[in-house]
C-alpha atoms as a PDB file:
ATOM      1  CA  MET A   1       0.000   0.000   0.000  1.00  0.00           C
ATOM      2  CA  ASN A   2       2.884   2.318   0.747  1.00  0.00           C
ATOM      3  CA  ARG A   3       4.288   1.744  -2.748  1.00  0.00           C
ATOM      4  CA  ILE A   4       0.989   2.836  -4.341  1.00  0.00           C
ATOM      5  CA  ARG A   5       0.960   6.005  -2.211  1.00  0.00           C
ATOM      6  CA  ARG A   6       4.489   6.836  -3.351  1.00  0.00           C
ATOM      7  CA  ILE A   7       3.513   6.328  -7.001  1.00  0.00           C
ATOM      8  CA  ILE A   8       0.467   8.583  -6.586  1.00  0.00           C
ATOM      9  CA  ALA A   9       2.601  11.232  -4.835  1.00  0.00           C
ATOM     10  CA  TYR A  10       5.143  11.040  -7.657  1.00  0.00           C
ATOM     11  CA  TYR A  11       2.542  11.702 -10.321  1.00  0.00           C
ATOM     12  CA  ARG A  12       0.976  14.538  -8.329  1.00  0.00           C
ATOM     13  CA  ARG A  13       4.332  16.343  -8.359  1.00  0.00           C
ATOM     14  CA  LYS A  14       4.748  15.909 -12.120  1.00  0.00           C
ATOM     15  CA  PRO A  15       2.788  17.620 -14.898  1.00  0.00           C
ATOM     16  CA  PRO A  16      -0.244  15.621 -16.103  1.00  0.00           C
ATOM     17  CA  VAL A  17       1.361  14.955 -19.483  1.00  0.00           C
ATOM     18  CA  THR A  18       3.993  12.798 -17.762  1.00  0.00           C
ATOM     19  CA  ALA A  19       1.317  10.380 -16.580  1.00  0.00           C
ATOM     20  CA  VAL A  20      -0.100  10.132 -20.103  1.00  0.00           C
ATOM     21  CA  TRP A  21       3.336   9.399 -21.558  1.00  0.00           C
ATOM     22  CA  HIS A  22       4.011   6.734 -18.937  1.00  0.00           C
ATOM     23  CA  HIS A  23       0.546   5.271 -19.456  1.00  0.00           C
ATOM     24  CA  GLY A  24       1.148   5.121 -23.211  1.00  0.00           C
ATOM     25  CA  LEU A  25       4.577   3.534 -22.848  1.00  0.00           C
ATOM     26  CA  LEU A  26       3.167   0.986 -20.421  1.00  0.00           C
ATOM     27  CA  PHE A  27       0.293   0.240 -22.805  1.00  0.00           C
ATOM     28  CA  PHE A  28       2.570  -0.329 -25.804  1.00  0.00           C
ATOM     29  CA  GLY A  29       5.058  -2.337 -23.754  1.00  0.00           C
ATOM     30  CA  VAL A  30       2.408  -4.651 -22.329  1.00  0.00           C
ATOM     31  CA  ALA A  31       0.737  -4.934 -25.747  1.00  0.00           C
ATOM     32  CA  ALA A  32       4.063  -5.996 -27.270  1.00  0.00           C
ATOM     33  CA  LEU A  33       4.562  -8.557 -24.496  1.00  0.00           C
ATOM     34  CA  LEU A  34       1.035  -9.930 -24.943  1.00  0.00           C
ATOM     35  CA  VAL A  35       1.418 -10.235 -28.704  1.00  0.00           C
ATOM     36  CA  THR A  36       4.822 -11.883 -28.301  1.00  0.00           C
ATOM     37  CA  ALA A  37       3.484 -14.294 -25.686  1.00  0.00           C
ATOM     38  CA  ARG A  38       0.508 -15.140 -27.865  1.00  0.00           C
ATOM     39  CA  ALA A  39       2.715 -15.763 -30.881  1.00  0.00           C
ATOM     40  CA  THR A  40       5.230 -17.939 -29.036  1.00  0.00           C
ATOM     41  CA  PHE A  41       3.802 -20.023 -26.202  1.00  0.00           C
ATOM     42  CA  ALA A  42       0.356 -18.876 -25.008  1.00  0.00           C
ATOM     43  CA  ASP A  43      -2.055 -19.712 -27.817  1.00  0.00           C
ATOM     44  CA  TRP A  44      -4.988 -19.674 -25.406  1.00  0.00           C
ATOM     45  CA  MET A  45      -4.410 -16.066 -24.243  1.00  0.00           C
ATOM     46  CA  PRO A  46      -7.004 -13.518 -25.419  1.00  0.00           C
ATOM     47  CA  LEU A  47      -5.692 -10.329 -27.007  1.00  0.00           C
ATOM     48  CA  PHE A  48      -8.554  -8.373 -28.493  1.00  0.00           C
ATOM     49  CA  TRP A  49     -10.672  -7.511 -25.461  1.00  0.00           C
ATOM     50  CA  PRO A  50      -7.890  -6.697 -22.971  1.00  0.00           C
ATOM     51  CA  LEU A  51      -6.107  -4.488 -25.482  1.00  0.00           C
ATOM     52  CA  LEU A  52      -9.325  -2.836 -26.639  1.00  0.00           C
ATOM     53  CA  ILE A  53     -10.432  -2.018 -23.099  1.00  0.00           C
ATOM     54  CA  TRP A  54      -6.994  -0.734 -22.160  1.00  0.00           C
ATOM     55  CA  TYR A  55      -6.825   1.347 -25.363  1.00  0.00           C
ATOM     56  CA  ILE A  56     -10.191   2.936 -24.585  1.00  0.00           C
ATOM     57  CA  VAL A  57      -9.056   3.768 -21.048  1.00  0.00           C
ATOM     58  CA  PHE A  58      -5.797   5.206 -22.417  1.00  0.00           C
ATOM     59  CA  SER A  59      -7.696   7.279 -24.990  1.00  0.00           C
ATOM     60  CA  LEU A  60     -10.017   8.663 -22.336  1.00  0.00           C
ATOM     61  CA  HIS A  61      -7.011   9.459 -20.150  1.00  0.00           C
ATOM     62  CA  PHE A  62      -5.373  11.312 -23.044  1.00  0.00           C
ATOM     63  CA  LEU A  63      -8.537  13.286 -23.860  1.00  0.00           C
ATOM     64  CA  LEU A  64      -9.074  14.157 -20.203  1.00  0.00           C
ATOM     65  CA  VAL A  65      -5.542  15.475 -19.791  1.00  0.00           C
ATOM     66  CA  ARG A  66      -5.733  17.423 -23.056  1.00  0.00           C
ATOM     67  CA  SER A  67      -9.036  19.044 -22.113  1.00  0.00           C
ATOM     68  CA  LEU A  68      -7.981  19.884 -18.560  1.00  0.00           C
ATOM     69  CA  THR A  69      -4.662  21.413 -19.585  1.00  0.00           C
ATOM     70  CA  ALA A  70      -6.204  23.676 -22.239  1.00  0.00           C
ATOM     71  CA  ASN A  71      -6.309  27.293 -21.094  1.00  0.00           C
ATOM     72  CA  ASP A  72      -6.335  30.769 -22.621  1.00  0.00           C
ATOM     73  CA  ASP A  73      -2.603  30.707 -23.351  1.00  0.00           C
ATOM     74  CA  TRP A  74      -2.962  27.406 -25.189  1.00  0.00           C
ATOM     75  CA  ALA A  75      -5.929  28.774 -27.159  1.00  0.00           C
ATOM     76  CA  ASP A  76      -3.983  31.909 -28.119  1.00  0.00           C
ATOM     77  CA  ASP A  77      -0.959  29.859 -29.177  1.00  0.00           C
ATOM     78  CA  ARG A  78      -3.170  27.531 -31.223  1.00  0.00           C
ATOM     79  CA  ALA A  79      -4.942  30.455 -32.921  1.00  0.00           C
ATOM     80  CA  ASP A  80      -1.579  32.044 -33.749  1.00  0.00           C
ATOM     81  CA  LYS A  81      -0.327  28.765 -35.185  1.00  0.00           C
ATOM     82  CA  ILE A  82      -3.419  28.437 -37.369  1.00  0.00           C
ATOM     83  CA  ARG A  83      -3.015  32.028 -38.573  1.00  0.00           C
ATOM     84  CA  ARG A  84       0.673  31.421 -39.382  1.00  0.00           C
ATOM     85  CA  HIS A  85      -0.118  28.292 -41.374  1.00  0.00           C
ATOM     86  CA  ALA A  86      -3.068  29.778 -43.258  1.00  0.00           C
ATOM     87  CA  TYR A  87      -0.861  31.103 -46.032  1.00  0.00           C
ATOM     88  CA  ASP A  88      -3.046  30.295 -49.023  1.00  0.00           C
ATOM     89  CA  PHE A  89      -6.238  32.341 -49.106  1.00  0.00           C
ATOM     90  CA  GLN A  90      -6.366  32.639 -52.898  1.00  0.00           C
ATOM     91  CA  HIS A  91      -8.124  29.274 -53.294  1.00  0.00           C
ATOM     92  CA  VAL A  92     -10.899  30.458 -50.955  1.00  0.00           C
ATOM     93  CA  LYS A  93     -11.327  33.595 -53.048  1.00  0.00           C
ATOM     94  CA  ASP A  94     -11.399  31.490 -56.242  1.00  0.00           C
ATOM     95  CA  ILE A  95     -14.112  29.251 -54.805  1.00  0.00           C
ATOM     96  CA  TYR A  96     -16.147  32.297 -53.770  1.00  0.00           C
ATOM     97  CA  ILE A  97     -15.903  33.870 -57.242  1.00  0.00           C
ATOM     98  CA  LYS A  98     -16.435  30.692 -59.257  1.00  0.00           C
ATOM     99  CA  PRO A  99     -17.592  27.745 -57.156  1.00  0.00           C
ATOM    100  CA  THR A 100     -16.722  25.065 -59.718  1.00  0.00           C
ATOM    101  CA  ASN A 101     -14.218  24.652 -62.499  1.00  0.00           C
ATOM    102  CA  PHE A 102     -16.633  22.735 -64.690  1.00  0.00           C
ATOM    103  CA  GLU A 103     -17.717  23.909 -68.089  1.00  0.00           C
ATOM    104  CA  GLU A 104     -21.313  24.895 -68.686  1.00  0.00           C
ATOM    105  CA  PRO A 105     -23.322  21.912 -69.911  1.00  0.00           C
ATOM    106  CA  SER A 106     -23.848  21.739 -73.677  1.00  0.00           C
ATOM    107  CA  PHE A 107     -27.265  20.053 -73.381  1.00  0.00           C
ATOM    108  CA  PRO A 108     -30.423  22.008 -72.520  1.00  0.00           C
ATOM    109  CA  LEU A 109     -31.153  22.079 -68.792  1.00  0.00           C
ATOM    110  CA  GLU A 110     -34.917  22.580 -69.227  1.00  0.00           C
ATOM    111  CA  LYS A 111     -35.306  18.913 -69.990  1.00  0.00           C
ATOM    112  CA  TRP A 112     -33.714  17.994 -66.631  1.00  0.00           C
ATOM    113  CA  ASP A 113     -35.598  20.601 -64.586  1.00  0.00           C
ATOM    114  CA  GLU A 114     -38.975  18.943 -65.057  1.00  0.00           C
END
């Protein structure tokens, strides 16, 4: 029990992203061990459900940390990055002026409007 308390205290001192990285490394390491064990000596061992459940938990952990660490500074940095990378506005103007690049149809449209 004391070991678990020390692990929890360790992760409380670290930024939340550290826990996600360690969780991801642990997930991929255990997944590699399970796949290796299944391929070599443990034909009976299930892989799909344990890995799927653990992947869902890892994904939720990642999304939780990403949503809780987002703040105004992150939003400003992200908006600046999007503005810096939006270097090609001419294609938007071209679409606004002429929505398609297709030629006008050569057959009469009245027949198709009925």
